[in-house]
PDB file of N, CA and C in Angstrom:
ATOM      1  N   MET A   1      39.484   1.557  -4.121  1.00  0.00           N
ATOM      2  CA  MET A   1      38.938   0.213  -4.154  1.00  0.00           C
ATOM      3  C   MET A   1      38.534  -0.040  -5.698  1.00  0.00           C
ATOM      4  N   ASN A   2      38.867  -1.135  -6.166  1.00  0.00           N
ATOM      5  CA  ASN A   2      38.333  -1.571  -7.479  1.00  0.00           C
ATOM      6  C   ASN A   2      37.321  -2.659  -7.438  1.00  0.00           C
ATOM      7  N   ILE A   3      36.731  -2.996  -8.620  1.00  0.00           N
ATOM      8  CA  ILE A   3      35.584  -3.934  -8.618  1.00  0.00           C
ATOM      9  C   ILE A   3      36.064  -5.275  -8.021  1.00  0.00           C
ATOM     10  N   SER A   4      37.197  -5.749  -8.370  1.00  0.00           N
ATOM     11  CA  SER A   4      37.666  -7.066  -7.866  1.00  0.00           C
ATOM     12  C   SER A   4      37.636  -7.073  -6.294  1.00  0.00           C
ATOM     13  N   ASN A   5      38.067  -5.946  -5.675  1.00  0.00           N
ATOM     14  CA  ASN A   5      37.980  -5.871  -4.272  1.00  0.00           C
ATOM     15  C   ASN A   5      36.463  -5.869  -3.731  1.00  0.00           C
ATOM     16  N   ASN A   6      35.580  -5.227  -4.502  1.00  0.00           N
ATOM     17  CA  ASN A   6      34.279  -5.267  -4.038  1.00  0.00           C
ATOM     18  C   ASN A   6      33.656  -6.612  -4.150  1.00  0.00           C
ATOM     19  N   ILE A   7      33.963  -7.372  -5.254  1.00  0.00           N
ATOM     20  CA  ILE A   7      33.534  -8.733  -5.389  1.00  0.00           C
ATOM     21  C   ILE A   7      34.098  -9.699  -4.371  1.00  0.00           C
ATOM     22  N   SER A   8      35.324  -9.510  -4.008  1.00  0.00           N
ATOM     23  CA  SER A   8      36.013 -10.163  -2.858  1.00  0.00           C
ATOM     24  C   SER A   8      35.290  -9.993  -1.684  1.00  0.00           C
ATOM     25  N   SER A   9      34.992  -8.787  -1.334  1.00  0.00           N
ATOM     26  CA  SER A   9      34.228  -8.287  -0.159  1.00  0.00           C
ATOM     27  C   SER A   9      32.841  -9.014  -0.229  1.00  0.00           C
ATOM     28  N   LEU A  10      32.184  -8.950  -1.242  1.00  0.00           N
ATOM     29  CA  LEU A  10      30.765  -9.647  -1.414  1.00  0.00           C
ATOM     30  C   LEU A  10      30.918 -11.073  -1.134  1.00  0.00           C
ATOM     31  N   SER A  11      31.999 -11.725  -1.714  1.00  0.00           N
ATOM     32  CA  SER A  11      32.099 -13.181  -1.547  1.00  0.00           C
ATOM     33  C   SER A  11      32.528 -13.511   0.033  1.00  0.00           C
ATOM     34  N   ALA A  12      33.342 -12.718   0.621  1.00  0.00           N
ATOM     35  CA  ALA A  12      33.740 -12.939   2.014  1.00  0.00           C
ATOM     36  C   ALA A  12      32.374 -12.756   2.949  1.00  0.00           C
ATOM     37  N   ASN A  13      31.731 -11.711   2.650  1.00  0.00           N
ATOM     38  CA  ASN A  13      30.414 -11.311   3.459  1.00  0.00           C
ATOM     39  C   ASN A  13      29.308 -12.517   3.255  1.00  0.00           C
ATOM     40  N   GLN A  14      29.317 -13.187   2.011  1.00  0.00           N
ATOM     41  CA  GLN A  14      28.396 -14.098   1.771  1.00  0.00           C
ATOM     42  C   GLN A  14      28.783 -15.456   2.679  1.00  0.00           C
ATOM     43  N   THR A  15      30.071 -15.635   2.820  1.00  0.00           N
ATOM     44  CA  THR A  15      30.633 -16.778   3.588  1.00  0.00           C
ATOM     45  C   THR A  15      30.198 -16.552   4.999  1.00  0.00           C
ATOM     46  N   PHE A  16      30.407 -15.246   5.470  1.00  0.00           N
ATOM     47  CA  PHE A  16      29.991 -14.712   6.817  1.00  0.00           C
ATOM     48  C   PHE A  16      28.490 -14.949   7.160  1.00  0.00           C
ATOM     49  N   LEU A  17      27.677 -14.553   6.160  1.00  0.00           N
ATOM     50  CA  LEU A  17      26.152 -14.747   6.265  1.00  0.00           C
ATOM     51  C   LEU A  17      25.850 -16.213   6.277  1.00  0.00           C
ATOM     52  N   ASN A  18      26.426 -17.028   5.499  1.00  0.00           N
ATOM     53  CA  ASN A  18      26.168 -18.547   5.438  1.00  0.00           C
ATOM     54  C   ASN A  18      26.476 -19.165   6.818  1.00  0.00           C
ATOM     55  N   THR A  19      27.751 -18.853   7.337  1.00  0.00           N
ATOM     56  CA  THR A  19      28.040 -19.340   8.619  1.00  0.00           C
ATOM     57  C   THR A  19      27.176 -18.858   9.801  1.00  0.00           C
ATOM     58  N   SER A  20      26.780 -17.618   9.654  1.00  0.00           N
ATOM     59  CA  SER A  20      25.806 -17.047  10.769  1.00  0.00           C
ATOM     60  C   SER A  20      24.388 -17.744  10.664  1.00  0.00           C
ATOM     61  N   ALA A  21      23.930 -17.926   9.331  1.00  0.00           N
ATOM     62  CA  ALA A  21      22.653 -18.562   9.151  1.00  0.00           C
ATOM     63  C   ALA A  21      22.709 -19.989   9.591  1.00  0.00           C
ATOM     64  N   GLY A  22      23.881 -20.766   9.626  1.00  0.00           N
ATOM     65  CA  GLY A  22      23.911 -22.118   9.934  1.00  0.00           C
ATOM     66  C   GLY A  22      23.900 -22.101  11.481  1.00  0.00           C
ATOM     67  N   ASN A  23      24.515 -21.065  12.072  1.00  0.00           N
ATOM     68  CA  ASN A  23      24.494 -21.012  13.656  1.00  0.00           C
ATOM     69  C   ASN A  23      23.024 -20.749  14.117  1.00  0.00           C
ATOM     70  N   VAL A  24      22.314 -19.845  13.413  1.00  0.00           N
ATOM     71  CA  VAL A  24      21.020 -19.515  13.756  1.00  0.00           C
ATOM     72  C   VAL A  24      20.112 -20.772  13.601  1.00  0.00           C
ATOM     73  N   ALA A  25      20.231 -21.327  12.527  1.00  0.00           N
ATOM     74  CA  ALA A  25      19.460 -22.654  12.309  1.00  0.00           C
ATOM     75  C   ALA A  25      19.670 -23.780  13.269  1.00  0.00           C
ATOM     76  N   ASN A  26      20.816 -23.688  14.009  1.00  0.00           N
ATOM     77  CA  ASN A  26      21.005 -24.807  15.048  1.00  0.00           C
ATOM     78  C   ASN A  26      20.908 -24.312  16.356  1.00  0.00           C
ATOM     79  N   VAL A  27      20.149 -23.101  16.616  1.00  0.00           N
ATOM     80  CA  VAL A  27      20.061 -22.591  17.848  1.00  0.00           C
ATOM     81  C   VAL A  27      19.262 -23.521  18.907  1.00  0.00           C
ATOM     82  N   ASN A  28      18.495 -24.443  18.344  1.00  0.00           N
ATOM     83  CA  ASN A  28      17.812 -25.299  19.172  1.00  0.00           C
ATOM     84  C   ASN A  28      18.332 -26.825  19.209  1.00  0.00           C
ATOM     85  N   THR A  29      19.616 -26.902  18.665  1.00  0.00           N
ATOM     86  CA  THR A  29      20.336 -28.210  18.544  1.00  0.00           C
ATOM     87  C   THR A  29      21.133 -28.299  19.778  1.00  0.00           C
ATOM     88  N   ASP A  30      20.752 -29.393  20.652  1.00  0.00           N
ATOM     89  CA  ASP A  30      21.560 -29.548  21.828  1.00  0.00           C
ATOM     90  C   ASP A  30      23.052 -29.822  21.552  1.00  0.00           C
ATOM     91  N   GLY A  31      23.982 -29.257  22.258  1.00  0.00           N
ATOM     92  CA  GLY A  31      25.355 -29.446  22.064  1.00  0.00           C
ATOM     93  C   GLY A  31      26.078 -28.857  20.922  1.00  0.00           C
ATOM     94  N   TYR A  32      25.345 -27.980  20.106  1.00  0.00           N
ATOM     95  CA  TYR A  32      25.828 -27.445  18.883  1.00  0.00           C
ATOM     96  C   TYR A  32      26.956 -26.309  19.292  1.00  0.00           C
ATOM     97  N   VAL A  33      27.993 -26.530  18.775  1.00  0.00           N
ATOM     98  CA  VAL A  33      29.109 -25.554  18.812  1.00  0.00           C
ATOM     99  C   VAL A  33      29.125 -24.556  17.627  1.00  0.00           C
ATOM    100  N   PRO A  34      28.850 -23.292  17.630  1.00  0.00           N
ATOM    101  CA  PRO A  34      28.776 -22.572  16.371  1.00  0.00           C
ATOM    102  C   PRO A  34      30.125 -22.444  15.705  1.00  0.00           C
ATOM    103  N   LYS A  35      30.162 -21.911  14.505  1.00  0.00           N
ATOM    104  CA  LYS A  35      31.253 -21.567  13.816  1.00  0.00           C
ATOM    105  C   LYS A  35      31.502 -20.037  13.905  1.00  0.00           C
ATOM    106  N   ASP A  36      32.543 -19.757  13.758  1.00  0.00           N
ATOM    107  CA  ASP A  36      32.916 -18.241  13.817  1.00  0.00           C
ATOM    108  C   ASP A  36      33.685 -17.789  12.621  1.00  0.00           C
ATOM    109  N   THR A  37      33.102 -16.806  11.882  1.00  0.00           N
ATOM    110  CA  THR A  37      33.931 -16.282  10.621  1.00  0.00           C
ATOM    111  C   THR A  37      34.315 -14.859  10.916  1.00  0.00           C
ATOM    112  N   ARG A  38      35.644 -14.711  10.503  1.00  0.00           N
ATOM    113  CA  ARG A  38      36.360 -13.349  10.663  1.00  0.00           C
ATOM    114  C   ARG A  38      36.610 -12.984   9.192  1.00  0.00           C
ATOM    115  N   ILE A  39      36.442 -11.692   8.822  1.00  0.00           N
ATOM    116  CA  ILE A  39      36.828 -11.158   7.554  1.00  0.00           C
ATOM    117  C   ILE A  39      38.070 -10.349   7.807  1.00  0.00           C
ATOM    118  N   THR A  40      38.960 -10.907   7.024  1.00  0.00           N
ATOM    119  CA  THR A  40      40.378 -10.146   7.197  1.00  0.00           C
ATOM    120  C   THR A  40      40.764  -9.572   5.770  1.00  0.00           C
ATOM    121  N   ASN A  41      41.748  -8.674   5.825  1.00  0.00           N
ATOM    122  CA  ASN A  41      42.103  -8.047   4.617  1.00  0.00           C
ATOM    123  C   ASN A  41      43.649  -8.410   4.356  1.00  0.00           C
ATOM    124  N   THR A  42      43.934  -9.662   3.837  1.00  0.00           N
ATOM    125  CA  THR A  42      45.182 -10.219   3.661  1.00  0.00           C
ATOM    126  C   THR A  42      45.531  -9.937   2.106  1.00  0.00           C
ATOM    127  N   SER A  43      46.617  -9.463   1.961  1.00  0.00           N
ATOM    128  CA  SER A  43      47.200  -9.252   0.473  1.00  0.00           C
ATOM    129  C   SER A  43      46.246  -8.361  -0.313  1.00  0.00           C
ATOM    130  N   GLY A  44      45.661  -7.345   0.443  1.00  0.00           N
ATOM    131  CA  GLY A  44      44.901  -6.228  -0.336  1.00  0.00           C
ATOM    132  C   GLY A  44      43.576  -6.603  -0.619  1.00  0.00           C
ATOM    133  N   SER A  45      42.987  -7.843  -0.261  1.00  0.00           N
ATOM    134  CA  SER A  45      41.751  -8.341  -0.674  1.00  0.00           C
ATOM    135  C   SER A  45      40.978  -8.999   0.514  1.00  0.00           C
ATOM    136  N   PRO A  46      39.717  -8.502   0.763  1.00  0.00           N
ATOM    137  CA  PRO A  46      39.008  -9.190   1.846  1.00  0.00           C
ATOM    138  C   PRO A  46      38.865 -10.664   1.713  1.00  0.00           C
ATOM    139  N   GLN A  47      38.956 -11.333   2.914  1.00  0.00           N
ATOM    140  CA  GLN A  47      38.884 -12.798   2.788  1.00  0.00           C
ATOM    141  C   GLN A  47      38.291 -13.312   4.091  1.00  0.00           C
ATOM    142  N   ALA A  48      37.384 -14.279   4.020  1.00  0.00           N
ATOM    143  CA  ALA A  48      36.683 -14.785   5.151  1.00  0.00           C
ATOM    144  C   ALA A  48      37.394 -16.108   5.665  1.00  0.00           C
ATOM    145  N   ILE A  49      37.570 -16.129   6.940  1.00  0.00           N
ATOM    146  CA  ILE A  49      38.344 -17.358   7.555  1.00  0.00           C
ATOM    147  C   ILE A  49      37.345 -17.784   8.563  1.00  0.00           C
ATOM    148  N   THR A  50      36.923 -19.019   8.471  1.00  0.00           N
ATOM    149  CA  THR A  50      35.860 -19.541   9.284  1.00  0.00           C
ATOM    150  C   THR A  50      36.462 -20.829  10.224  1.00  0.00           C
ATOM    151  N   ARG A  51      36.217 -20.686  11.465  1.00  0.00           N
ATOM    152  CA  ARG A  51      36.806 -21.707  12.424  1.00  0.00           C
ATOM    153  C   ARG A  51      35.585 -22.083  13.302  1.00  0.00           C
ATOM    154  N   GLN A  52      35.792 -23.315  13.977  1.00  0.00           N
ATOM    155  CA  GLN A  52      34.882 -23.678  15.052  1.00  0.00           C
ATOM    156  C   GLN A  52      35.074 -22.756  16.307  1.00  0.00           C
ATOM    157  N   ALA A  53      33.991 -22.367  16.835  1.00  0.00           N
ATOM    158  CA  ALA A  53      34.090 -21.531  17.996  1.00  0.00           C
ATOM    159  C   ALA A  53      34.553 -22.314  19.193  1.00  0.00           C
ATOM    160  N   ASP A  54      35.049 -21.693  20.271  1.00  0.00           N
ATOM    161  CA  ASP A  54      35.471 -22.473  21.437  1.00  0.00           C
ATOM    162  C   ASP A  54      34.173 -23.109  21.987  1.00  0.00           C
ATOM    163  N   ASP A  55      34.421 -24.411  22.500  1.00  0.00           N
ATOM    164  CA  ASP A  55      33.314 -25.179  23.077  1.00  0.00           C
ATOM    165  C   ASP A  55      33.325 -24.910  24.601  1.00  0.00           C
ATOM    166  N   ASN A  56      32.229 -24.352  25.181  1.00  0.00           N
ATOM    167  CA  ASN A  56      32.230 -24.209  26.607  1.00  0.00           C
ATOM    168  C   ASN A  56      31.695 -25.332  27.340  1.00  0.00           C
ATOM    169  N   GLY A  57      31.392 -26.504  26.693  1.00  0.00           N
ATOM    170  CA  GLY A  57      30.954 -27.711  27.490  1.00  0.00           C
ATOM    171  C   GLY A  57      29.467 -27.697  27.681  1.00  0.00           C
ATOM    172  N   SER A  58      28.665 -26.773  27.244  1.00  0.00           N
ATOM    173  CA  SER A  58      27.239 -26.706  27.427  1.00  0.00           C
ATOM    174  C   SER A  58      26.659 -27.802  26.738  1.00  0.00           C
ATOM    175  N   ALA A  59      25.563 -28.545  27.358  1.00  0.00           N
ATOM    176  CA  ALA A  59      24.750 -29.494  26.707  1.00  0.00           C
ATOM    177  C   ALA A  59      23.737 -28.802  25.747  1.00  0.00           C
ATOM    178  N   LYS A  60      23.561 -27.557  25.921  1.00  0.00           N
ATOM    179  CA  LYS A  60      22.592 -26.785  25.085  1.00  0.00           C
ATOM    180  C   LYS A  60      23.276 -26.155  23.939  1.00  0.00           C
ATOM    181  N   SER A  61      22.677 -25.678  22.842  1.00  0.00           N
ATOM    182  CA  SER A  61      23.327 -24.922  21.845  1.00  0.00           C
ATOM    183  C   SER A  61      24.035 -23.782  22.192  1.00  0.00           C
ATOM    184  N   GLN A  62      25.226 -23.550  21.728  1.00  0.00           N
ATOM    185  CA  GLN A  62      26.028 -22.356  22.195  1.00  0.00           C
ATOM    186  C   GLN A  62      25.925 -21.242  21.265  1.00  0.00           C
ATOM    187  N   THR A  63      24.958 -21.194  20.375  1.00  0.00           N
ATOM    188  CA  THR A  63      24.665 -20.162  19.380  1.00  0.00           C
ATOM    189  C   THR A  63      24.117 -18.847  20.269  1.00  0.00           C
ATOM    190  N   ASP A  64      24.827 -17.723  20.112  1.00  0.00           N
ATOM    191  CA  ASP A  64      24.322 -16.572  20.763  1.00  0.00           C
ATOM    192  C   ASP A  64      23.674 -15.688  19.783  1.00  0.00           C
ATOM    193  N   LEU A  65      22.332 -15.568  19.809  1.00  0.00           N
ATOM    194  CA  LEU A  65      21.442 -14.830  18.977  1.00  0.00           C
ATOM    195  C   LEU A  65      21.785 -13.317  19.097  1.00  0.00           C
ATOM    196  N   THR A  66      22.230 -12.919  20.235  1.00  0.00           N
ATOM    197  CA  THR A  66      22.566 -11.484  20.530  1.00  0.00           C
ATOM    198  C   THR A  66      23.776 -11.022  19.731  1.00  0.00           C
ATOM    199  N   LYS A  67      24.568 -12.021  19.182  1.00  0.00           N
ATOM    200  CA  LYS A  67      25.684 -11.736  18.354  1.00  0.00           C
ATOM    201  C   LYS A  67      25.367 -11.930  16.921  1.00  0.00           C
ATOM    202  N   GLU A  68      24.528 -13.085  16.683  1.00  0.00           N
ATOM    203  CA  GLU A  68      24.288 -13.523  15.274  1.00  0.00           C
ATOM    204  C   GLU A  68      23.399 -12.451  14.496  1.00  0.00           C
ATOM    205  N   ILE A  69      22.267 -11.970  15.174  1.00  0.00           N
ATOM    206  CA  ILE A  69      21.410 -11.042  14.420  1.00  0.00           C
ATOM    207  C   ILE A  69      22.065  -9.830  14.124  1.00  0.00           C
ATOM    208  N   PRO A  70      22.695  -9.125  15.044  1.00  0.00           N
ATOM    209  CA  PRO A  70      23.400  -7.827  14.617  1.00  0.00           C
ATOM    210  C   PRO A  70      24.476  -8.003  13.569  1.00  0.00           C
ATOM    211  N   ASP A  71      25.203  -9.099  13.636  1.00  0.00           N
ATOM    212  CA  ASP A  71      26.138  -9.463  12.742  1.00  0.00           C
ATOM    213  C   ASP A  71      25.661  -9.508  11.207  1.00  0.00           C
ATOM    214  N   GLN A  72      24.391 -10.211  11.163  1.00  0.00           N
ATOM    215  CA  GLN A  72      23.802 -10.352   9.932  1.00  0.00           C
ATOM    216  C   GLN A  72      23.311  -8.915   9.420  1.00  0.00           C
ATOM    217  N   ILE A  73      22.850  -8.110  10.219  1.00  0.00           N
ATOM    218  CA  ILE A  73      22.438  -6.743   9.719  1.00  0.00           C
ATOM    219  C   ILE A  73      23.607  -5.950   9.340  1.00  0.00           C
ATOM    220  N   VAL A  74      24.677  -6.015  10.042  1.00  0.00           N
ATOM    221  CA  VAL A  74      25.864  -5.238   9.589  1.00  0.00           C
ATOM    222  C   VAL A  74      26.449  -5.884   8.325  1.00  0.00           C
ATOM    223  N   SER A  75      26.364  -7.129   8.154  1.00  0.00           N
ATOM    224  CA  SER A  75      26.953  -7.687   6.964  1.00  0.00           C
ATOM    225  C   SER A  75      26.061  -7.382   5.730  1.00  0.00           C
ATOM    226  N   GLY A  76      24.732  -7.335   5.841  1.00  0.00           N
ATOM    227  CA  GLY A  76      23.838  -6.877   4.991  1.00  0.00           C
ATOM    228  C   GLY A  76      24.211  -5.465   4.429  1.00  0.00           C
ATOM    229  N   GLY A  77      24.542  -4.652   5.371  1.00  0.00           N
ATOM    230  CA  GLY A  77      24.895  -3.169   5.053  1.00  0.00           C
ATOM    231  C   GLY A  77      26.090  -3.232   4.163  1.00  0.00           C
ATOM    232  N   VAL A  78      27.071  -4.063   4.643  1.00  0.00           N
ATOM    233  CA  VAL A  78      28.348  -4.094   3.928  1.00  0.00           C
ATOM    234  C   VAL A  78      28.060  -4.534   2.393  1.00  0.00           C
ATOM    235  N   ALA A  79      27.293  -5.625   2.266  1.00  0.00           N
ATOM    236  CA  ALA A  79      26.907  -6.040   0.927  1.00  0.00           C
ATOM    237  C   ALA A  79      26.250  -4.981   0.069  1.00  0.00           C
ATOM    238  N   GLU A  80      25.366  -4.226   0.700  1.00  0.00           N
ATOM    239  CA  GLU A  80      24.688  -3.058   0.072  1.00  0.00           C
ATOM    240  C   GLU A  80      25.638  -1.958  -0.432  1.00  0.00           C
ATOM    241  N   ALA A  81      26.657  -1.655   0.456  1.00  0.00           N
ATOM    242  CA  ALA A  81      27.648  -0.721   0.138  1.00  0.00           C
ATOM    243  C   ALA A  81      28.537  -1.200  -1.086  1.00  0.00           C
ATOM    244  N   ASN A  82      28.955  -2.425  -1.097  1.00  0.00           N
ATOM    245  CA  ASN A  82      29.708  -2.961  -2.180  1.00  0.00           C
ATOM    246  C   ASN A  82      28.837  -2.986  -3.537  1.00  0.00           C
ATOM    247  N   VAL A  83      27.655  -3.343  -3.508  1.00  0.00           N
ATOM    248  CA  VAL A  83      26.894  -3.366  -4.749  1.00  0.00           C
ATOM    249  C   VAL A  83      26.736  -1.911  -5.275  1.00  0.00           C
ATOM    250  N   THR A  84      26.564  -1.000  -4.359  1.00  0.00           N
ATOM    251  CA  THR A  84      26.408   0.456  -4.722  1.00  0.00           C
ATOM    252  C   THR A  84      27.707   0.887  -5.381  1.00  0.00           C
ATOM    253  N   ALA A  85      28.924   0.425  -4.832  1.00  0.00           N
ATOM    254  CA  ALA A  85      30.250   0.877  -5.345  1.00  0.00           C
ATOM    255  C   ALA A  85      30.326   0.243  -6.688  1.00  0.00           C
ATOM    256  N   ILE A  86      29.880  -0.998  -6.897  1.00  0.00           N
ATOM    257  CA  ILE A  86      30.098  -1.609  -8.291  1.00  0.00           C
ATOM    258  C   ILE A  86      29.184  -0.927  -9.280  1.00  0.00           C
ATOM    259  N   LYS A  87      28.006  -0.597  -8.838  1.00  0.00           N
ATOM    260  CA  LYS A  87      27.124   0.098  -9.818  1.00  0.00           C
ATOM    261  C   LYS A  87      27.690   1.511 -10.231  1.00  0.00           C
ATOM    262  N   THR A  88      28.226   2.183  -9.322  1.00  0.00           N
ATOM    263  CA  THR A  88      28.838   3.507  -9.548  1.00  0.00           C
ATOM    264  C   THR A  88      30.035   3.253 -10.483  1.00  0.00           C
ATOM    265  N   GLN A  89      30.923   2.359 -10.130  1.00  0.00           N
ATOM    266  CA  GLN A  89      31.986   2.098 -11.119  1.00  0.00           C
ATOM    267  C   GLN A  89      31.607   1.743 -12.526  1.00  0.00           C
ATOM    268  N   ASP A  90      30.548   0.904 -12.662  1.00  0.00           N
ATOM    269  CA  ASP A  90      29.967   0.450 -13.920  1.00  0.00           C
ATOM    270  C   ASP A  90      29.443   1.807 -14.678  1.00  0.00           C
ATOM    271  N   GLN A  91      28.814   2.596 -13.976  1.00  0.00           N
ATOM    272  CA  GLN A  91      28.326   3.870 -14.574  1.00  0.00           C
ATOM    273  C   GLN A  91      29.400   4.705 -15.005  1.00  0.00           C
ATOM    274  N   MET A  92      30.410   4.812 -14.210  1.00  0.00           N
ATOM    275  CA  MET A  92      31.603   5.702 -14.671  1.00  0.00           C
ATOM    276  C   MET A  92      32.275   5.194 -15.820  1.00  0.00           C
ATOM    277  N   PHE A  93      32.488   3.820 -15.906  1.00  0.00           N
ATOM    278  CA  PHE A  93      33.154   3.239 -17.148  1.00  0.00           C
ATOM    279  C   PHE A  93      32.206   3.425 -18.452  1.00  0.00           C
ATOM    280  N   GLY A  94      30.776   3.329 -18.124  1.00  0.00           N
ATOM    281  CA  GLY A  94      30.060   3.486 -19.366  1.00  0.00           C
ATOM    282  C   GLY A  94      30.097   5.009 -19.748  1.00  0.00           C
ATOM    283  N   THR A  95      30.208   5.972 -18.865  1.00  0.00           N
ATOM    284  CA  THR A  95      30.330   7.306 -19.172  1.00  0.00           C
ATOM    285  C   THR A  95      31.650   7.624 -20.044  1.00  0.00           C
ATOM    286  N   LEU A  96      32.769   6.908 -19.498  1.00  0.00           N
ATOM    287  CA  LEU A  96      34.083   7.008 -20.187  1.00  0.00           C
ATOM    288  C   LEU A  96      33.995   6.411 -21.548  1.00  0.00           C
ATOM    289  N   LEU A  97      33.265   5.343 -21.627  1.00  0.00           N
ATOM    290  CA  LEU A  97      33.180   4.761 -23.054  1.00  0.00           C
ATOM    291  C   LEU A  97      32.255   5.582 -24.017  1.00  0.00           C
ATOM    292  N   ASP A  98      31.269   6.281 -23.445  1.00  0.00           N
ATOM    293  CA  ASP A  98      30.394   7.205 -24.308  1.00  0.00           C
ATOM    294  C   ASP A  98      31.226   8.413 -24.731  1.00  0.00           C
ATOM    295  N   ILE A  99      32.096   8.979 -23.770  1.00  0.00           N
ATOM    296  CA  ILE A  99      32.910   9.996 -24.093  1.00  0.00           C
ATOM    297  C   ILE A  99      33.921   9.747 -25.199  1.00  0.00           C
ATOM    298  N   LYS A 100      34.625   8.534 -25.090  1.00  0.00           N
ATOM    299  CA  LYS A 100      35.503   7.996 -26.084  1.00  0.00           C
ATOM    300  C   LYS A 100      34.950   7.781 -27.420  1.00  0.00           C
ATOM    301  N   ALA A 101      33.714   7.304 -27.530  1.00  0.00           N
ATOM    302  CA  ALA A 101      33.061   6.915 -28.734  1.00  0.00           C
ATOM    303  C   ALA A 101      32.667   8.188 -29.645  1.00  0.00           C
TER     304      ALA A 101
END
């Protein structure tokens, strides 16, 4: 994996977290139909695809906190792993430049 893939993954996970945060913010909004974000790996780069979730016709908010909260925790871990990979790659490039100099 290279830095551009890590950055694409961070961007996709940011979209995922933004969508989830919007769903949680509307948990008490009557008739709210949440959005659903999936992260796919198309053309070798992570990408977020967001769509409206299926409407079950409920008059109450259809946001499921038992889905949203764990998804946010997992996405935070993915972001942390990508940041760590970017830092490691940066350190490696720095070491290579020090060796070359």
